[in-house]
Amino acid sequence: MSVAERTVTGVNRTDRLYALVEDLRAIAPRRRSARELAARFEVSVRTIERDITALQESGVPIYAETGRTGGYTLDKKMSLPPLNFTPAEAVAIAVALGRAGDQPFGRQARSALRKVVAAMPGTEGELARELARRVLVAEPPEPAGGIRPLGAAGVSRAIEEALLRRRVLRLDYADAKGALTSRDVEPGVFLGGRGGFWYLVAWCRLRDDVRVFRFDRIAAATVTAERCPERPVEGFAAEVPEMVMHGAVLD
């Protein structure tokens, strides 16, 4: 049996939507009927019809042709080849597009983001959504002087990895007076925009409480092998109640 004839079984809806697009892309401009797609993915014809409608509503250029030889076809000229975004890349796009808000093209920005997430394999998409829940941006997003430095080289990458993998971080941190301490923390959320600085809100084991760490004061950050205990995201966000924040939403 050739690759083109294989059925796709045991996949969740997100994976199936992605596979549907790729299947239609591979045979375009030829068509495939709802019955053929249902047999390939081992679901009902009604399920395929709902999936196709969802893809069309999100902007995927799939067209239906009626008649005995009709079916669904995808316009290759209006679509991109597969793009492999990492969870961190998807969240970075969400942060950037999130600033569009009600500005011109804000609706199109949200539509573009939905397409990015829909193209991600199921596991990667879920990781991206979890990371997005832990990225908050204060309003207004930037001061007149622009975003401040993030701190020592590698700090931001270490924090991203720790948040994504839910690992304990070891920080060398300087307070407002310049006193340096080493401490293990359980990362909670990114917080960006206030005064142009980025912050890490985390459970500090040295202080046995939630603390807010400014990126440019973190001299070093190391991801440990220890997994963080579960702590609700809301508990970290509550530590900065004076800030008006919006999340990096992946929808």
C-alpha atoms as a PDB file:
ATOM      1  CA  MET A   1       0.000   0.000   0.000  1.00  0.00           C
ATOM      2  CA  SER A   2       1.443   3.359  -0.972  1.00  0.00           C
ATOM      3  CA  VAL A   3       1.836   6.297   1.370  1.00  0.00           C
ATOM      4  CA  ALA A   4      -0.915   8.131  -0.493  1.00  0.00           C
ATOM      5  CA  GLU A   5      -3.357   5.291   0.251  1.00  0.00           C
ATOM      6  CA  ARG A   6      -2.746   4.867   3.949  1.00  0.00           C
ATOM      7  CA  THR A   7      -5.483   5.707   6.404  1.00  0.00           C
ATOM      8  CA  VAL A   8      -4.821   7.939   9.386  1.00  0.00           C
ATOM      9  CA  THR A   9      -6.087   6.457  12.639  1.00  0.00           C
ATOM     10  CA  GLY A  10      -5.988   7.290  16.319  1.00  0.00           C
ATOM     11  CA  VAL A  11      -5.416  11.040  15.944  1.00  0.00           C
ATOM     12  CA  ASN A  12      -7.075  13.891  17.794  1.00  0.00           C
ATOM     13  CA  ARG A  13      -9.032  16.596  15.995  1.00  0.00           C
ATOM     14  CA  THR A  14      -6.145  19.095  15.822  1.00  0.00           C
ATOM     15  CA  ASP A  15      -3.880  16.496  14.212  1.00  0.00           C
ATOM     16  CA  ARG A  16      -6.677  15.440  11.865  1.00  0.00           C
ATOM     17  CA  LEU A  17      -7.282  19.020  10.696  1.00  0.00           C
ATOM     18  CA  TYR A  18      -3.581  19.403   9.967  1.00  0.00           C
ATOM     19  CA  ALA A  19      -3.505  16.050   8.148  1.00  0.00           C
ATOM     20  CA  LEU A  20      -6.606  16.945   6.119  1.00  0.00           C
ATOM     21  CA  VAL A  21      -4.952  20.084   4.785  1.00  0.00           C
ATOM     22  CA  GLU A  22      -1.758  18.222   3.926  1.00  0.00           C
ATOM     23  CA  ASP A  23      -3.692  15.416   2.236  1.00  0.00           C
ATOM     24  CA  LEU A  24      -5.586  17.869   0.023  1.00  0.00           C
ATOM     25  CA  ARG A  25      -2.400  19.844  -0.646  1.00  0.00           C
ATOM     26  CA  ALA A  26      -0.618  16.682  -1.813  1.00  0.00           C
ATOM     27  CA  ILE A  27      -3.224  15.824  -4.466  1.00  0.00           C
ATOM     28  CA  ALA A  28      -4.190  19.380  -5.559  1.00  0.00           C
ATOM     29  CA  PRO A  29      -5.597  20.348  -8.010  1.00  0.00           C
ATOM     30  CA  ARG A  30      -7.327  16.946  -7.947  1.00  0.00           C
ATOM     31  CA  ARG A  31     -10.280  16.475  -5.588  1.00  0.00           C
ATOM     32  CA  ARG A  32     -11.142  14.063  -2.824  1.00  0.00           C
ATOM     33  CA  SER A  33     -14.744  13.382  -1.772  1.00  0.00           C
ATOM     34  CA  ALA A  34     -16.026  13.561   1.798  1.00  0.00           C
ATOM     35  CA  ARG A  35     -16.625   9.797   1.655  1.00  0.00           C
ATOM     36  CA  GLU A  36     -13.018   9.142   0.606  1.00  0.00           C
ATOM     37  CA  LEU A  37     -11.694  11.414   3.365  1.00  0.00           C
ATOM     38  CA  ALA A  38     -13.958   9.756   5.926  1.00  0.00           C
ATOM     39  CA  ALA A  39     -12.589   6.347   4.944  1.00  0.00           C
ATOM     40  CA  ARG A  40      -8.977   7.553   5.123  1.00  0.00           C
ATOM     41  CA  PHE A  41      -9.378   9.096   8.574  1.00  0.00           C
ATOM     42  CA  GLU A  42     -11.830   6.439   9.830  1.00  0.00           C
ATOM     43  CA  VAL A  43     -14.463   8.959  10.903  1.00  0.00           C
ATOM     44  CA  SER A  44     -17.969   9.728   9.669  1.00  0.00           C
ATOM     45  CA  VAL A  45     -18.736  11.796   6.584  1.00  0.00           C
ATOM     46  CA  ARG A  46     -20.474  14.293   8.884  1.00  0.00           C
ATOM     47  CA  THR A  47     -17.255  14.671  10.921  1.00  0.00           C
ATOM     48  CA  ILE A  48     -15.273  15.396   7.749  1.00  0.00           C
ATOM     49  CA  GLU A  49     -17.844  17.985   6.694  1.00  0.00           C
ATOM     50  CA  ARG A  50     -17.567  19.714  10.078  1.00  0.00           C
ATOM     51  CA  ASP A  51     -13.756  19.646   9.866  1.00  0.00           C
ATOM     52  CA  ILE A  52     -13.776  21.145   6.374  1.00  0.00           C
ATOM     53  CA  THR A  53     -16.165  23.887   7.494  1.00  0.00           C
ATOM     54  CA  ALA A  54     -13.902  24.712  10.454  1.00  0.00           C
ATOM     55  CA  LEU A  55     -10.865  24.932   8.173  1.00  0.00           C
ATOM     56  CA  GLN A  56     -12.698  27.138   5.695  1.00  0.00           C
ATOM     57  CA  GLU A  57     -13.859  29.469   8.495  1.00  0.00           C
ATOM     58  CA  SER A  58     -10.238  29.823   9.655  1.00  0.00           C
ATOM     59  CA  GLY A  59      -9.214  30.914   6.171  1.00  0.00           C
ATOM     60  CA  VAL A  60      -7.828  27.718   4.628  1.00  0.00           C
ATOM     61  CA  PRO A  61      -8.553  27.907   0.858  1.00  0.00           C
ATOM     62  CA  ILE A  62     -10.545  24.652   0.518  1.00  0.00           C
ATOM     63  CA  TYR A  63     -13.274  24.596  -2.127  1.00  0.00           C
ATOM     64  CA  ALA A  64     -16.119  22.141  -2.696  1.00  0.00           C
ATOM     65  CA  GLU A  65     -17.147  21.030  -6.182  1.00  0.00           C
ATOM     66  CA  THR A  66     -20.495  19.337  -6.556  1.00  0.00           C
ATOM     67  CA  GLY A  67     -21.510  16.553  -8.907  1.00  0.00           C
ATOM     68  CA  ARG A  68     -20.759  12.867  -9.315  1.00  0.00           C
ATOM     69  CA  THR A  69     -17.002  13.481  -9.598  1.00  0.00           C
ATOM     70  CA  GLY A  70     -16.946  16.399  -7.173  1.00  0.00           C
ATOM     71  CA  GLY A  71     -15.207  16.728  -3.866  1.00  0.00           C
ATOM     72  CA  TYR A  72     -12.901  19.009  -1.926  1.00  0.00           C
ATOM     73  CA  THR A  73      -9.818  20.665  -3.371  1.00  0.00           C
ATOM     74  CA  LEU A  74      -7.217  23.064  -1.980  1.00  0.00           C
ATOM     75  CA  ASP A  75      -5.873  26.053  -3.873  1.00  0.00           C
ATOM     76  CA  LYS A  76      -2.102  25.678  -3.595  1.00  0.00           C
ATOM     77  CA  LYS A  77      -1.548  29.228  -4.796  1.00  0.00           C
ATOM     78  CA  MET A  78      -3.334  30.549  -1.703  1.00  0.00           C
ATOM     79  CA  SER A  79      -1.578  28.413   0.931  1.00  0.00           C
ATOM     80  CA  LEU A  80       1.855  27.929   2.406  1.00  0.00           C
ATOM     81  CA  PRO A  81       3.777  24.645   2.638  1.00  0.00           C
ATOM     82  CA  PRO A  82       4.013  23.094   6.131  1.00  0.00           C
ATOM     83  CA  LEU A  83       5.644  25.443   8.668  1.00  0.00           C
ATOM     84  CA  ASN A  84       7.158  23.918  11.796  1.00  0.00           C
ATOM     85  CA  PHE A  85       6.831  26.459  14.612  1.00  0.00           C
ATOM     86  CA  THR A  86       8.140  25.624  18.069  1.00  0.00           C
ATOM     87  CA  PRO A  87       5.872  26.403  21.061  1.00  0.00           C
ATOM     88  CA  ALA A  88       8.124  29.349  21.988  1.00  0.00           C
ATOM     89  CA  GLU A  89       7.965  30.714  18.428  1.00  0.00           C
ATOM     90  CA  ALA A  90       4.159  30.498  18.445  1.00  0.00           C
ATOM     91  CA  VAL A  91       3.990  32.397  21.743  1.00  0.00           C
ATOM     92  CA  ALA A  92       6.406  35.031  20.416  1.00  0.00           C
ATOM     93  CA  ILE A  93       4.042  35.563  17.484  1.00  0.00           C
ATOM     94  CA  ALA A  94       1.104  35.764  19.911  1.00  0.00           C
ATOM     95  CA  VAL A  95       2.855  38.450  21.987  1.00  0.00           C
ATOM     96  CA  ALA A  96       3.631  40.515  18.894  1.00  0.00           C
ATOM     97  CA  LEU A  97       0.183  40.125  17.343  1.00  0.00           C
ATOM     98  CA  GLY A  98      -1.517  40.688  20.688  1.00  0.00           C
ATOM     99  CA  ARG A  99      -0.540  44.346  20.486  1.00  0.00           C
ATOM    100  CA  ALA A 100      -2.666  44.766  17.374  1.00  0.00           C
ATOM    101  CA  GLY A 101      -5.793  44.734  19.559  1.00  0.00           C
ATOM    102  CA  ASP A 102      -8.455  46.953  18.013  1.00  0.00           C
ATOM    103  CA  GLN A 103      -5.949  48.667  15.726  1.00  0.00           C
ATOM    104  CA  PRO A 104      -6.224  48.380  11.929  1.00  0.00           C
ATOM    105  CA  PHE A 105      -5.786  44.752  10.841  1.00  0.00           C
ATOM    106  CA  GLY A 106      -6.304  43.521  14.421  1.00  0.00           C
ATOM    107  CA  ARG A 107      -8.927  41.005  13.275  1.00  0.00           C
ATOM    108  CA  GLN A 108      -6.614  39.734  10.534  1.00  0.00           C
ATOM    109  CA  ALA A 109      -3.793  39.394  13.078  1.00  0.00           C
ATOM    110  CA  ARG A 110      -5.944  37.119  15.236  1.00  0.00           C
ATOM    111  CA  SER A 111      -6.939  35.101  12.172  1.00  0.00           C
ATOM    112  CA  ALA A 112      -3.261  34.669  11.207  1.00  0.00           C
ATOM    113  CA  LEU A 113      -2.440  33.427  14.683  1.00  0.00           C
ATOM    114  CA  ARG A 114      -5.244  30.841  14.571  1.00  0.00           C
ATOM    115  CA  LYS A 115      -3.774  29.495  11.321  1.00  0.00           C
ATOM    116  CA  VAL A 116      -0.324  29.190  12.897  1.00  0.00           C
ATOM    117  CA  VAL A 117      -1.679  27.201  15.841  1.00  0.00           C
ATOM    118  CA  ALA A 118      -3.913  25.030  13.634  1.00  0.00           C
ATOM    119  CA  ALA A 119      -0.852  24.026  11.589  1.00  0.00           C
ATOM    120  CA  MET A 120       1.039  22.806  14.658  1.00  0.00           C
ATOM    121  CA  PRO A 121       0.933  19.094  15.568  1.00  0.00           C
ATOM    122  CA  GLY A 122      -1.319  18.378  18.544  1.00  0.00           C
ATOM    123  CA  THR A 123       1.358  17.990  21.230  1.00  0.00           C
ATOM    124  CA  GLU A 124       3.262  21.083  20.142  1.00  0.00           C
ATOM    125  CA  GLY A 125       0.052  23.091  20.027  1.00  0.00           C
ATOM    126  CA  GLU A 126      -0.842  22.117  23.593  1.00  0.00           C
ATOM    127  CA  LEU A 127       2.646  23.033  24.820  1.00  0.00           C
ATOM    128  CA  ALA A 128       2.310  26.406  23.105  1.00  0.00           C
ATOM    129  CA  ARG A 129      -1.045  27.045  24.771  1.00  0.00           C
ATOM    130  CA  GLU A 130       0.361  26.168  28.208  1.00  0.00           C
ATOM    131  CA  LEU A 131       3.351  28.475  27.703  1.00  0.00           C
ATOM    132  CA  ALA A 132       1.034  31.244  26.473  1.00  0.00           C
ATOM    133  CA  ARG A 133      -0.910  31.073  29.747  1.00  0.00           C
ATOM    134  CA  ARG A 134       2.301  32.008  31.532  1.00  0.00           C
ATOM    135  CA  VAL A 135       3.103  35.115  29.472  1.00  0.00           C
ATOM    136  CA  LEU A 136       1.430  38.353  30.596  1.00  0.00           C
ATOM    137  CA  VAL A 137       1.941  41.832  29.186  1.00  0.00           C
ATOM    138  CA  ALA A 138       1.178  44.951  31.216  1.00  0.00           C
ATOM    139  CA  GLU A 139      -0.500  47.981  29.690  1.00  0.00           C
ATOM    140  CA  PRO A 140       0.692  50.282  28.312  1.00  0.00           C
ATOM    141  CA  PRO A 141       3.119  47.827  26.672  1.00  0.00           C
ATOM    142  CA  GLU A 142       6.039  50.234  26.205  1.00  0.00           C
ATOM    143  CA  PRO A 143       7.383  53.405  27.779  1.00  0.00           C
ATOM    144  CA  ALA A 144       8.551  56.324  25.681  1.00  0.00           C
ATOM    145  CA  GLY A 145      12.116  55.042  25.909  1.00  0.00           C
ATOM    146  CA  GLY A 146      11.286  51.585  24.560  1.00  0.00           C
ATOM    147  CA  ILE A 147      11.834  48.095  25.958  1.00  0.00           C
ATOM    148  CA  ARG A 148      14.776  47.775  28.365  1.00  0.00           C
ATOM    149  CA  PRO A 149      17.606  45.206  28.094  1.00  0.00           C
ATOM    150  CA  LEU A 150      16.743  41.635  29.074  1.00  0.00           C
ATOM    151  CA  GLY A 151      19.918  41.104  31.088  1.00  0.00           C
ATOM    152  CA  ALA A 152      22.793  38.640  30.821  1.00  0.00           C
ATOM    153  CA  ALA A 153      23.178  36.504  27.721  1.00  0.00           C
ATOM    154  CA  GLY A 154      21.156  33.309  27.864  1.00  0.00           C
ATOM    155  CA  VAL A 155      18.900  34.433  30.744  1.00  0.00           C
ATOM    156  CA  SER A 156      15.791  34.818  28.625  1.00  0.00           C
ATOM    157  CA  ARG A 157      16.373  31.488  26.872  1.00  0.00           C
ATOM    158  CA  ALA A 158      16.854  29.702  30.202  1.00  0.00           C
ATOM    159  CA  ILE A 159      13.617  31.162  31.576  1.00  0.00           C
ATOM    160  CA  GLU A 160      11.727  30.202  28.414  1.00  0.00           C
ATOM    161  CA  GLU A 161      13.010  26.632  28.678  1.00  0.00           C
ATOM    162  CA  ALA A 162      12.204  26.396  32.396  1.00  0.00           C
ATOM    163  CA  LEU A 163       8.649  27.656  31.844  1.00  0.00           C
ATOM    164  CA  LEU A 164       8.090  25.333  28.898  1.00  0.00           C
ATOM    165  CA  ARG A 165       9.514  22.233  30.599  1.00  0.00           C
ATOM    166  CA  ARG A 166       8.242  23.186  34.091  1.00  0.00           C
ATOM    167  CA  ARG A 167      11.728  23.005  35.649  1.00  0.00           C
ATOM    168  CA  VAL A 168      13.249  24.729  38.685  1.00  0.00           C
ATOM    169  CA  LEU A 169      15.589  27.619  37.863  1.00  0.00           C
ATOM    170  CA  ARG A 170      18.770  28.547  39.723  1.00  0.00           C
ATOM    171  CA  LEU A 171      19.265  32.319  39.628  1.00  0.00           C
ATOM    172  CA  ASP A 172      22.076  34.692  40.561  1.00  0.00           C
ATOM    173  CA  TYR A 173      20.067  37.830  41.279  1.00  0.00           C
ATOM    174  CA  ALA A 174      21.038  41.378  42.224  1.00  0.00           C
ATOM    175  CA  ASP A 175      18.560  43.439  44.242  1.00  0.00           C
ATOM    176  CA  ALA A 176      17.995  47.195  43.852  1.00  0.00           C
ATOM    177  CA  LYS A 177      21.119  47.883  45.940  1.00  0.00           C
ATOM    178  CA  GLY A 178      23.276  45.518  43.909  1.00  0.00           C
ATOM    179  CA  ALA A 179      23.518  42.755  46.533  1.00  0.00           C
ATOM    180  CA  LEU A 180      23.850  39.394  44.754  1.00  0.00           C
ATOM    181  CA  THR A 181      22.113  36.225  46.002  1.00  0.00           C
ATOM    182  CA  SER A 182      21.807  32.726  44.580  1.00  0.00           C
ATOM    183  CA  ARG A 183      18.402  31.135  44.825  1.00  0.00           C
ATOM    184  CA  ASP A 184      16.277  28.349  43.384  1.00  0.00           C
ATOM    185  CA  VAL A 185      12.905  29.452  42.026  1.00  0.00           C
ATOM    186  CA  GLU A 186       9.837  27.816  40.520  1.00  0.00           C
ATOM    187  CA  PRO A 187       8.923  29.892  37.423  1.00  0.00           C
ATOM    188  CA  GLY A 188       5.331  31.083  37.251  1.00  0.00           C
ATOM    189  CA  VAL A 189       4.798  33.667  34.518  1.00  0.00           C
ATOM    190  CA  PHE A 190       6.618  36.101  32.247  1.00  0.00           C
ATOM    191  CA  LEU A 191       5.527  39.671  32.854  1.00  0.00           C
ATOM    192  CA  GLY A 192       6.382  42.315  30.308  1.00  0.00           C
ATOM    193  CA  GLY A 193       5.776  45.945  29.520  1.00  0.00           C
ATOM    194  CA  ARG A 194       5.732  47.774  32.863  1.00  0.00           C
ATOM    195  CA  GLY A 195       8.366  50.509  32.640  1.00  0.00           C
ATOM    196  CA  GLY A 196       9.752  48.759  29.572  1.00  0.00           C
ATOM    197  CA  PHE A 197      11.158  45.904  31.683  1.00  0.00           C
ATOM    198  CA  TRP A 198      10.458  42.180  31.552  1.00  0.00           C
ATOM    199  CA  TYR A 199       9.999  40.273  34.800  1.00  0.00           C
ATOM    200  CA  LEU A 200       9.835  36.694  36.002  1.00  0.00           C
ATOM    201  CA  VAL A 201       7.201  36.022  38.659  1.00  0.00           C
ATOM    202  CA  ALA A 202       8.251  32.891  40.536  1.00  0.00           C
ATOM    203  CA  TRP A 203       8.063  31.022  43.833  1.00  0.00           C
ATOM    204  CA  CYS A 204      11.353  31.786  45.577  1.00  0.00           C
ATOM    205  CA  ARG A 205      12.568  28.961  47.798  1.00  0.00           C
ATOM    206  CA  LEU A 206      14.983  31.277  49.575  1.00  0.00           C
ATOM    207  CA  ARG A 207      12.136  33.590  50.687  1.00  0.00           C
ATOM    208  CA  ASP A 208       9.486  30.841  50.770  1.00  0.00           C
ATOM    209  CA  ASP A 209       7.094  33.117  48.894  1.00  0.00           C
ATOM    210  CA  VAL A 210       6.275  34.543  45.451  1.00  0.00           C
ATOM    211  CA  ARG A 211       8.799  37.114  44.226  1.00  0.00           C
ATOM    212  CA  VAL A 212       9.151  39.265  41.078  1.00  0.00           C
ATOM    213  CA  PHE A 213      12.584  39.231  39.398  1.00  0.00           C
ATOM    214  CA  ARG A 214      13.572  41.884  36.874  1.00  0.00           C
ATOM    215  CA  PHE A 215      15.383  40.390  33.896  1.00  0.00           C
ATOM    216  CA  ASP A 216      18.219  42.911  33.746  1.00  0.00           C
ATOM    217  CA  ARG A 217      19.116  42.121  37.381  1.00  0.00           C
ATOM    218  CA  ILE A 218      19.472  38.384  36.739  1.00  0.00           C
ATOM    219  CA  ALA A 219      23.208  37.789  36.397  1.00  0.00           C
ATOM    220  CA  ALA A 220      22.841  34.084  35.528  1.00  0.00           C
ATOM    221  CA  ALA A 221      20.049  31.533  35.103  1.00  0.00           C
ATOM    222  CA  THR A 222      20.458  27.758  34.973  1.00  0.00           C
ATOM    223  CA  VAL A 223      17.730  25.227  34.260  1.00  0.00           C
ATOM    224  CA  THR A 224      17.901  22.343  36.731  1.00  0.00           C
ATOM    225  CA  ALA A 225      16.647  18.782  36.249  1.00  0.00           C
ATOM    226  CA  GLU A 226      14.075  19.158  39.034  1.00  0.00           C
ATOM    227  CA  ARG A 227      10.451  19.420  37.928  1.00  0.00           C
ATOM    228  CA  CYS A 228       8.358  22.169  39.530  1.00  0.00           C
ATOM    229  CA  PRO A 229       5.382  21.242  41.687  1.00  0.00           C
ATOM    230  CA  GLU A 230       2.032  22.295  40.306  1.00  0.00           C
ATOM    231  CA  ARG A 231       1.081  25.870  41.235  1.00  0.00           C
ATOM    232  CA  PRO A 232      -1.929  27.664  39.649  1.00  0.00           C
ATOM    233  CA  VAL A 233      -0.964  30.431  37.232  1.00  0.00           C
ATOM    234  CA  GLU A 234      -3.524  32.696  38.898  1.00  0.00           C
ATOM    235  CA  GLY A 235      -1.530  32.624  42.132  1.00  0.00           C
ATOM    236  CA  PHE A 236       1.459  34.231  40.441  1.00  0.00           C
ATOM    237  CA  ALA A 237      -0.534  36.856  38.541  1.00  0.00           C
ATOM    238  CA  ALA A 238      -2.265  37.905  41.777  1.00  0.00           C
ATOM    239  CA  GLU A 239       1.058  39.178  43.118  1.00  0.00           C
ATOM    240  CA  VAL A 240       0.954  42.164  40.751  1.00  0.00           C
ATOM    241  CA  PRO A 241      -2.652  43.398  41.158  1.00  0.00           C
ATOM    242  CA  GLU A 242      -1.838  47.023  40.305  1.00  0.00           C
ATOM    243  CA  MET A 243      -0.945  46.081  36.737  1.00  0.00           C
ATOM    244  CA  VAL A 244      -3.537  45.891  33.997  1.00  0.00           C
ATOM    245  CA  MET A 245      -2.464  42.876  31.976  1.00  0.00           C
ATOM    246  CA  HIS A 246      -3.454  40.874  28.956  1.00  0.00           C
ATOM    247  CA  GLY A 247      -2.296  37.376  28.145  1.00  0.00           C
ATOM    248  CA  ALA A 248      -0.601  35.956  25.074  1.00  0.00           C
ATOM    249  CA  VAL A 249      -3.745  34.212  23.877  1.00  0.00           C
ATOM    250  CA  LEU A 250      -3.486  31.320  21.438  1.00  0.00           C
ATOM    251  CA  ASP A 251      -6.913  30.669  19.951  1.00  0.00           C
END
